[in-house]
C-alpha atoms as a PDB file:
ATOM      1  CA  UNK A   1      60.154  40.448 144.311  1.00  0.00           C
ATOM      2  CA  UNK A   2      60.803  40.669 140.373  1.00  0.00           C
ATOM      3  CA  UNK A   3      64.560  42.624 140.587  1.00  0.00           C
ATOM      4  CA  UNK A   4      65.231  38.994 142.399  1.00  0.00           C
ATOM      5  CA  UNK A   5      63.582  36.664 140.025  1.00  0.00           C
ATOM      6  CA  UNK A   6      65.260  38.468 137.124  1.00  0.00           C
ATOM      7  CA  UNK A   7      68.865  38.222 138.374  1.00  0.00           C
ATOM      8  CA  UNK A   8      67.627  34.496 139.370  1.00  0.00           C
ATOM      9  CA  UNK A   9      67.084  34.041 135.647  1.00  0.00           C
ATOM     10  CA  UNK A  10      70.278  34.810 134.665  1.00  0.00           C
ATOM     11  CA  UNK A  11      72.393  32.655 137.446  1.00  0.00           C
ATOM     12  CA  UNK A  12      69.883  29.866 136.490  1.00  0.00           C
ATOM     13  CA  UNK A  13      70.886  30.199 133.089  1.00  0.00           C
ATOM     14  CA  UNK A  14      74.634  30.224 133.796  1.00  0.00           C
ATOM     15  CA  UNK A  15      74.340  26.998 136.020  1.00  0.00           C
ATOM     16  CA  UNK A  16      72.265  25.336 133.732  1.00  0.00           C
ATOM     17  CA  UNK A  17      75.304  26.282 130.894  1.00  0.00           C
ATOM     18  CA  UNK A  18      78.356  24.888 133.064  1.00  0.00           C
ATOM     19  CA  UNK A  19      76.354  21.999 133.772  1.00  0.00           C
ATOM     20  CA  UNK A  20      75.749  20.998 130.015  1.00  0.00           C
ATOM     21  CA  UNK A  21      79.552  21.685 129.802  1.00  0.00           C
ATOM     22  CA  UNK A  22      80.853  20.208 132.981  1.00  0.00           C
ATOM     23  CA  UNK A  23      78.738  16.512 131.475  1.00  0.00           C
ATOM     24  CA  UNK A  24      80.574  16.881 127.814  1.00  0.00           C
ATOM     25  CA  UNK A  25      83.672  17.471 129.327  1.00  0.00           C
ATOM     26  CA  UNK A  26      83.557  14.406 131.819  1.00  0.00           C
ATOM     27  CA  UNK A  27      81.327  12.016 129.517  1.00  0.00           C
ATOM     28  CA  UNK A  28      81.971  13.716 126.177  1.00  0.00           C
ATOM     29  CA  UNK A  29      78.358  13.683 125.973  1.00  0.00           C
ATOM     30  CA  UNK A  30      77.274  16.478 122.824  1.00  0.00           C
ATOM     31  CA  UNK A  31      73.512  16.095 124.240  1.00  0.00           C
ATOM     32  CA  UNK A  32      74.356  17.296 127.617  1.00  0.00           C
ATOM     33  CA  UNK A  33      76.279  20.298 125.755  1.00  0.00           C
ATOM     34  CA  UNK A  34      73.786  21.071 123.194  1.00  0.00           C
ATOM     35  CA  UNK A  35      70.901  20.760 125.895  1.00  0.00           C
ATOM     36  CA  UNK A  36      72.694  22.993 128.455  1.00  0.00           C
ATOM     37  CA  UNK A  37      73.474  25.880 125.928  1.00  0.00           C
ATOM     38  CA  UNK A  38      69.521  25.133 124.373  1.00  0.00           C
ATOM     39  CA  UNK A  39      68.245  25.620 127.568  1.00  0.00           C
ATOM     40  CA  UNK A  40      70.429  28.509 128.914  1.00  0.00           C
ATOM     41  CA  UNK A  41      70.283  30.449 125.471  1.00  0.00           C
ATOM     42  CA  UNK A  42      65.757  29.830 126.300  1.00  0.00           C
ATOM     43  CA  UNK A  43      66.545  31.252 130.041  1.00  0.00           C
ATOM     44  CA  UNK A  44      69.244  34.127 128.523  1.00  0.00           C
ATOM     45  CA  UNK A  45      65.666  35.048 125.938  1.00  0.00           C
ATOM     46  CA  UNK A  46      63.184  34.462 129.029  1.00  0.00           C
ATOM     47  CA  UNK A  47      65.609  37.595 130.768  1.00  0.00           C
ATOM     48  CA  UNK A  48      65.498  39.718 127.525  1.00  0.00           C
ATOM     49  CA  UNK A  49      61.872  38.932 127.096  1.00  0.00           C
ATOM     50  CA  UNK A  50      61.450  40.266 130.983  1.00  0.00           C
ATOM     51  CA  UNK A  51      62.574  43.463 130.373  1.00  0.00           C
ATOM     52  CA  UNK A  52      59.533  44.518 128.447  1.00  0.00           C
ATOM     53  CA  UNK A  53      57.064  41.995 129.674  1.00  0.00           C
ATOM     54  CA  UNK A  54      57.753  40.495 133.025  1.00  0.00           C
ATOM     55  CA  UNK A  55      54.824  38.559 133.399  1.00  0.00           C
ATOM     56  CA  UNK A  56      56.237  37.145 129.890  1.00  0.00           C
ATOM     57  CA  UNK A  57      59.679  36.736 130.773  1.00  0.00           C
ATOM     58  CA  UNK A  58      59.171  34.641 133.610  1.00  0.00           C
ATOM     59  CA  UNK A  59      56.370  32.372 132.252  1.00  0.00           C
ATOM     60  CA  UNK A  60      59.323  31.148 129.667  1.00  0.00           C
ATOM     61  CA  UNK A  61      62.043  30.497 133.015  1.00  0.00           C
ATOM     62  CA  UNK A  62      59.551  29.188 134.432  1.00  0.00           C
ATOM     63  CA  UNK A  63      57.932  26.568 131.966  1.00  0.00           C
ATOM     64  CA  UNK A  64      62.151  25.988 130.883  1.00  0.00           C
ATOM     65  CA  UNK A  65      62.658  25.216 134.975  1.00  0.00           C
ATOM     66  CA  UNK A  66      59.382  22.565 134.708  1.00  0.00           C
ATOM     67  CA  UNK A  67      60.756  21.528 131.601  1.00  0.00           C
ATOM     68  CA  UNK A  68      64.330  20.856 133.462  1.00  0.00           C
ATOM     69  CA  UNK A  69      63.062  19.445 136.658  1.00  0.00           C
ATOM     70  CA  UNK A  70      61.294  17.096 134.960  1.00  0.00           C
ATOM     71  CA  UNK A  71      63.985  15.864 132.027  1.00  0.00           C
ATOM     72  CA  UNK A  72      66.127  15.588 135.364  1.00  0.00           C
ATOM     73  CA  UNK A  73      63.419  13.657 137.741  1.00  0.00           C
ATOM     74  CA  UNK A  74      63.375  10.748 134.302  1.00  0.00           C
ATOM     75  CA  UNK A  75      67.095  10.692 134.072  1.00  0.00           C
ATOM     76  CA  UNK A  76      67.415   9.958 138.132  1.00  0.00           C
ATOM     77  CA  UNK A  77      65.289   7.408 138.045  1.00  0.00           C
ATOM     78  CA  UNK A  78      66.591   5.817 135.276  1.00  0.00           C
ATOM     79  CA  UNK A  79      70.361   6.384 136.707  1.00  0.00           C
ATOM     80  CA  UNK A  80      69.802   6.160 140.060  1.00  0.00           C
ATOM     81  CA  UNK A  81      72.829   9.073 140.268  1.00  0.00           C
ATOM     82  CA  UNK A  82      72.583  11.633 142.870  1.00  0.00           C
ATOM     83  CA  UNK A  83      74.709  13.905 140.335  1.00  0.00           C
ATOM     84  CA  UNK A  84      73.944  15.280 138.218  1.00  0.00           C
ATOM     85  CA  UNK A  85      69.975  14.850 138.390  1.00  0.00           C
ATOM     86  CA  UNK A  86      69.507  15.163 141.811  1.00  0.00           C
ATOM     87  CA  UNK A  87      71.071  18.782 141.695  1.00  0.00           C
ATOM     88  CA  UNK A  88      69.738  19.782 138.578  1.00  0.00           C
ATOM     89  CA  UNK A  89      65.915  18.738 140.054  1.00  0.00           C
ATOM     90  CA  UNK A  90      66.780  20.971 143.703  1.00  0.00           C
ATOM     91  CA  UNK A  91      67.795  23.473 141.346  1.00  0.00           C
ATOM     92  CA  UNK A  92      65.459  24.011 138.954  1.00  0.00           C
ATOM     93  CA  UNK A  93      62.653  23.688 141.492  1.00  0.00           C
ATOM     94  CA  UNK A  94      63.824  26.516 143.367  1.00  0.00           C
ATOM     95  CA  UNK A  95      64.290  28.878 139.995  1.00  0.00           C
ATOM     96  CA  UNK A  96      60.773  27.097 139.303  1.00  0.00           C
ATOM     97  CA  UNK A  97      59.399  28.321 142.398  1.00  0.00           C
ATOM     98  CA  UNK A  98      61.259  31.485 142.719  1.00  0.00           C
ATOM     99  CA  UNK A  99      59.690  32.448 138.608  1.00  0.00           C
ATOM    100  CA  UNK A 100      56.036  31.306 140.079  1.00  0.00           C
ATOM    101  CA  UNK A 101      56.027  33.634 143.355  1.00  0.00           C
ATOM    102  CA  UNK A 102      57.482  36.564 141.209  1.00  0.00           C
ATOM    103  CA  UNK A 103      54.637  36.248 138.588  1.00  0.00           C
ATOM    104  CA  UNK A 104      52.114  36.051 141.587  1.00  0.00           C
END
């Protein structure tokens, strides 16, 4: 399970980075780009940390996924738009569950 979770960190980081870039390209939203790339950077750091300490890296990735799920839940509540908030809530929740299961 750890191997799958470690791969999932990278996949989730790519999804978050691409989402931020799309937000910037579609809406010229610099905050989307900054937050997407920043979150992806945190996830890449989590993956690097996980190379030496899987529980620490997975803990960082789990915390990031939970924070992103909350941020997008707030955004969905404000905007009532399913894209991208709804999709990112689902992706973040799946990632959080995967990372939490791998920690146990």
